[in-house]
Amino acid sequence: MNDKPASDVFPDRLSVDPNSPYYNEEILARDVGIRFKGVEKTNVEEYCISEGWVRVTAGNAKDRRGNPLTIKVHGTVEPYFRDKA
């Protein structure tokens, strides 16, 4: 069985965009951190653990709706809660 309580289990995919179907306010309220390829990233917009990718913002560029442009980068994704550190 899983040794983590249900509240400590990360979803396979999570987004910070409230319009996304992968948005989860309850999880994000706990201050989620992401280690990507062993390095902490602060500009992650979305991640997927099983597929091994993150979407990071591409500088200050915006799309036509005013949202930040993102780039999908592949590698090892390790989410964690900063409030437990």
N, C-alpha and C. Protein backbone atom coordinates (compact mmCIF):
# COMPACT_ATOMS: atom_id res chain seq x y z
N MET A 1 0.83 -1.19 0.00
CA MET A 1 0.00 0.00 0.00
C MET A 1 0.87 1.25 0.00
N ASN A 2 0.24 2.39 -0.20
CA ASN A 2 0.94 3.66 -0.22
C ASN A 2 1.20 4.11 1.21
N ASP A 3 2.45 4.52 1.52
CA ASP A 3 2.79 4.93 2.88
C ASP A 3 2.48 6.40 3.15
N LYS A 4 2.05 7.17 2.14
CA LYS A 4 1.71 8.57 2.32
C LYS A 4 0.22 8.71 2.60
N PRO A 5 -0.15 9.66 3.48
CA PRO A 5 -1.57 9.94 3.66
C PRO A 5 -2.16 10.48 2.36
N ALA A 6 -3.47 10.36 2.18
CA ALA A 6 -4.12 10.79 0.95
C ALA A 6 -3.84 12.26 0.63
N SER A 7 -3.71 13.10 1.66
CA SER A 7 -3.47 14.52 1.43
C SER A 7 -2.05 14.81 0.94
N ASP A 8 -1.13 13.84 1.08
CA ASP A 8 0.25 14.02 0.64
C ASP A 8 0.54 13.39 -0.71
N VAL A 9 -0.49 12.86 -1.38
CA VAL A 9 -0.29 12.24 -2.68
C VAL A 9 -0.51 13.29 -3.76
N PHE A 10 0.47 13.41 -4.65
CA PHE A 10 0.36 14.38 -5.74
C PHE A 10 -0.41 13.78 -6.90
N PRO A 11 -1.21 14.61 -7.58
CA PRO A 11 -1.84 14.12 -8.79
C PRO A 11 -0.78 13.91 -9.86
N ASP A 12 -1.05 13.02 -10.82
CA ASP A 12 -0.09 12.76 -11.89
C ASP A 12 0.16 14.02 -12.71
N ARG A 13 -0.86 14.85 -12.84
CA ARG A 13 -0.73 16.07 -13.63
C ARG A 13 -1.38 17.21 -12.86
N LEU A 14 -0.70 18.37 -12.83
CA LEU A 14 -1.18 19.52 -12.08
C LEU A 14 -0.85 20.79 -12.83
N SER A 15 -1.78 21.74 -12.83
CA SER A 15 -1.59 23.01 -13.51
C SER A 15 -1.93 24.16 -12.56
N VAL A 16 -1.25 25.31 -12.74
CA VAL A 16 -1.56 26.49 -11.94
C VAL A 16 -2.62 27.36 -12.60
N ASP A 17 -3.05 27.02 -13.81
CA ASP A 17 -4.05 27.77 -14.56
C ASP A 17 -5.45 27.36 -14.10
N PRO A 18 -6.24 28.30 -13.52
CA PRO A 18 -7.58 27.95 -13.04
C PRO A 18 -8.53 27.45 -14.14
N ASN A 19 -8.25 27.74 -15.39
CA ASN A 19 -9.09 27.29 -16.50
C ASN A 19 -8.75 25.87 -16.97
N SER A 20 -7.68 25.30 -16.44
CA SER A 20 -7.24 23.97 -16.84
C SER A 20 -8.03 22.89 -16.11
N PRO A 21 -8.29 21.76 -16.78
CA PRO A 21 -8.95 20.64 -16.07
C PRO A 21 -8.03 20.00 -15.03
N TYR A 22 -6.74 20.32 -15.05
CA TYR A 22 -5.78 19.74 -14.11
C TYR A 22 -5.47 20.68 -12.94
N TYR A 23 -6.22 21.74 -12.81
CA TYR A 23 -6.07 22.69 -11.71
C TYR A 23 -6.65 22.10 -10.44
N ASN A 24 -5.92 22.20 -9.32
CA ASN A 24 -6.41 21.69 -8.03
C ASN A 24 -6.03 22.71 -6.95
N GLU A 25 -6.97 23.54 -6.56
CA GLU A 25 -6.71 24.61 -5.61
C GLU A 25 -6.25 24.09 -4.25
N GLU A 26 -6.82 22.98 -3.82
CA GLU A 26 -6.48 22.41 -2.51
C GLU A 26 -4.99 22.02 -2.44
N ILE A 27 -4.51 21.37 -3.48
CA ILE A 27 -3.09 20.97 -3.52
C ILE A 27 -2.18 22.20 -3.65
N LEU A 28 -2.53 23.13 -4.55
CA LEU A 28 -1.70 24.32 -4.77
C LEU A 28 -1.63 25.21 -3.54
N ALA A 29 -2.65 25.20 -2.70
CA ALA A 29 -2.66 26.02 -1.48
C ALA A 29 -1.57 25.58 -0.51
N ARG A 30 -1.07 24.37 -0.67
CA ARG A 30 -0.03 23.85 0.23
C ARG A 30 1.39 24.19 -0.23
N ASP A 31 1.52 25.05 -1.23
CA ASP A 31 2.82 25.53 -1.73
C ASP A 31 3.66 24.38 -2.30
N VAL A 32 3.30 23.96 -3.49
CA VAL A 32 3.97 22.86 -4.18
C VAL A 32 5.26 23.37 -4.81
N GLY A 33 6.34 22.63 -4.61
CA GLY A 33 7.61 22.90 -5.26
C GLY A 33 7.89 21.80 -6.28
N ILE A 34 8.68 22.12 -7.30
CA ILE A 34 9.00 21.15 -8.34
C ILE A 34 10.52 21.07 -8.50
N ARG A 35 11.03 19.86 -8.42
CA ARG A 35 12.42 19.60 -8.80
C ARG A 35 12.38 18.95 -10.17
N PHE A 36 13.06 19.56 -11.13
CA PHE A 36 13.09 19.04 -12.50
C PHE A 36 14.54 18.74 -12.84
N LYS A 37 14.81 17.46 -13.11
CA LYS A 37 16.18 16.98 -13.35
C LYS A 37 17.09 17.34 -12.18
N GLY A 38 16.53 17.28 -10.96
CA GLY A 38 17.30 17.52 -9.74
C GLY A 38 17.47 18.98 -9.37
N VAL A 39 16.93 19.91 -10.16
CA VAL A 39 17.07 21.34 -9.89
C VAL A 39 15.69 21.93 -9.59
N GLU A 40 15.60 22.73 -8.53
CA GLU A 40 14.32 23.35 -8.18
C GLU A 40 13.96 24.41 -9.22
N LYS A 41 12.72 24.34 -9.69
CA LYS A 41 12.21 25.30 -10.68
C LYS A 41 11.10 26.12 -10.05
N THR A 42 11.09 27.42 -10.31
CA THR A 42 10.06 28.29 -9.75
C THR A 42 9.11 28.82 -10.82
N ASN A 43 9.35 28.49 -12.08
CA ASN A 43 8.52 29.02 -13.17
C ASN A 43 7.70 27.94 -13.87
N VAL A 44 7.35 26.86 -13.15
CA VAL A 44 6.59 25.76 -13.72
C VAL A 44 5.10 26.11 -13.74
N GLU A 45 4.48 26.02 -14.90
CA GLU A 45 3.05 26.27 -15.05
C GLU A 45 2.23 24.99 -14.95
N GLU A 46 2.80 23.86 -15.38
CA GLU A 46 2.09 22.58 -15.39
C GLU A 46 3.14 21.47 -15.40
N TYR A 47 2.78 20.31 -14.82
CA TYR A 47 3.69 19.16 -14.88
C TYR A 47 2.90 17.88 -15.08
N CYS A 48 3.60 16.84 -15.56
CA CYS A 48 3.04 15.50 -15.66
C CYS A 48 4.13 14.52 -15.23
N ILE A 49 3.90 13.81 -14.14
CA ILE A 49 4.90 12.90 -13.60
C ILE A 49 5.09 11.68 -14.50
N SER A 50 3.98 11.04 -14.91
CA SER A 50 4.07 9.79 -15.68
C SER A 50 4.71 9.99 -17.05
N GLU A 51 4.44 11.12 -17.68
CA GLU A 51 5.02 11.39 -19.00
C GLU A 51 6.37 12.08 -18.90
N GLY A 52 6.74 12.58 -17.72
CA GLY A 52 8.05 13.18 -17.49
C GLY A 52 8.26 14.50 -18.21
N TRP A 53 7.37 15.48 -17.97
CA TRP A 53 7.56 16.80 -18.56
C TRP A 53 7.02 17.89 -17.65
N VAL A 54 7.51 19.10 -17.88
CA VAL A 54 6.99 20.30 -17.24
C VAL A 54 6.80 21.36 -18.31
N ARG A 55 5.87 22.26 -18.06
CA ARG A 55 5.71 23.45 -18.91
C ARG A 55 6.23 24.63 -18.10
N VAL A 56 7.22 25.32 -18.65
CA VAL A 56 7.81 26.47 -17.99
C VAL A 56 7.55 27.72 -18.83
N THR A 57 7.50 28.86 -18.15
CA THR A 57 7.26 30.11 -18.87
C THR A 57 8.48 30.46 -19.71
N ALA A 58 8.20 31.05 -20.88
CA ALA A 58 9.25 31.45 -21.82
C ALA A 58 9.51 32.95 -21.70
N GLY A 59 10.24 33.33 -20.66
CA GLY A 59 10.55 34.75 -20.46
C GLY A 59 9.30 35.57 -20.19
N ASN A 60 9.25 36.77 -20.78
CA ASN A 60 8.11 37.66 -20.58
C ASN A 60 7.14 37.62 -21.74
N ALA A 61 7.32 36.70 -22.68
CA ALA A 61 6.45 36.61 -23.86
C ALA A 61 5.03 36.23 -23.46
N LYS A 62 4.06 36.82 -24.16
CA LYS A 62 2.64 36.55 -23.90
C LYS A 62 1.97 36.06 -25.18
N ASP A 63 0.92 35.24 -25.02
CA ASP A 63 0.14 34.83 -26.19
C ASP A 63 -0.91 35.90 -26.47
N ARG A 64 -1.76 35.68 -27.46
CA ARG A 64 -2.73 36.71 -27.86
C ARG A 64 -3.80 36.97 -26.81
N ARG A 65 -3.94 36.09 -25.85
CA ARG A 65 -4.91 36.29 -24.76
C ARG A 65 -4.27 36.89 -23.52
N GLY A 66 -2.97 37.16 -23.58
CA GLY A 66 -2.26 37.77 -22.45
C GLY A 66 -1.68 36.77 -21.48
N ASN A 67 -1.80 35.47 -21.78
CA ASN A 67 -1.22 34.44 -20.91
C ASN A 67 0.25 34.25 -21.25
N PRO A 68 1.07 33.85 -20.28
CA PRO A 68 2.49 33.63 -20.57
C PRO A 68 2.67 32.46 -21.55
N LEU A 69 3.62 32.63 -22.48
CA LEU A 69 3.96 31.53 -23.38
C LEU A 69 4.74 30.49 -22.60
N THR A 70 4.50 29.22 -22.89
CA THR A 70 5.19 28.15 -22.18
C THR A 70 5.90 27.22 -23.15
N ILE A 71 6.90 26.54 -22.62
CA ILE A 71 7.67 25.55 -23.37
C ILE A 71 7.59 24.24 -22.60
N LYS A 72 7.33 23.14 -23.30
CA LYS A 72 7.30 21.81 -22.66
C LYS A 72 8.71 21.23 -22.71
N VAL A 73 9.24 20.85 -21.54
CA VAL A 73 10.58 20.30 -21.42
C VAL A 73 10.47 18.92 -20.77
N HIS A 74 11.18 17.94 -21.32
CA HIS A 74 11.10 16.56 -20.82
C HIS A 74 12.25 16.25 -19.87
N GLY A 75 11.95 15.46 -18.83
CA GLY A 75 12.94 15.04 -17.85
C GLY A 75 12.24 14.51 -16.61
N THR A 76 13.01 14.24 -15.56
CA THR A 76 12.47 13.71 -14.31
C THR A 76 11.79 14.81 -13.51
N VAL A 77 10.53 14.56 -13.10
CA VAL A 77 9.72 15.53 -12.36
C VAL A 77 9.52 15.02 -10.94
N GLU A 78 9.87 15.85 -9.95
CA GLU A 78 9.71 15.48 -8.53
C GLU A 78 8.97 16.59 -7.79
N PRO A 79 7.64 16.47 -7.62
CA PRO A 79 6.92 17.47 -6.84
C PRO A 79 7.10 17.22 -5.33
N TYR A 80 7.03 18.30 -4.56
CA TYR A 80 7.11 18.17 -3.11
C TYR A 80 6.37 19.36 -2.49
N PHE A 81 6.03 19.23 -1.21
CA PHE A 81 5.38 20.32 -0.48
C PHE A 81 6.44 21.12 0.24
N ARG A 82 6.49 22.43 -0.01
CA ARG A 82 7.47 23.28 0.65
C ARG A 82 7.14 23.47 2.13
N ASP A 83 5.85 23.37 2.50
CA ASP A 83 5.46 23.60 3.90
C ASP A 83 5.96 22.51 4.85
N LYS A 84 6.48 21.40 4.31
CA LYS A 84 7.00 20.33 5.17
C LYS A 84 8.51 20.45 5.38
N ALA A 85 9.14 21.40 4.69
CA ALA A 85 10.60 21.54 4.75
C ALA A 85 11.09 22.12 6.01
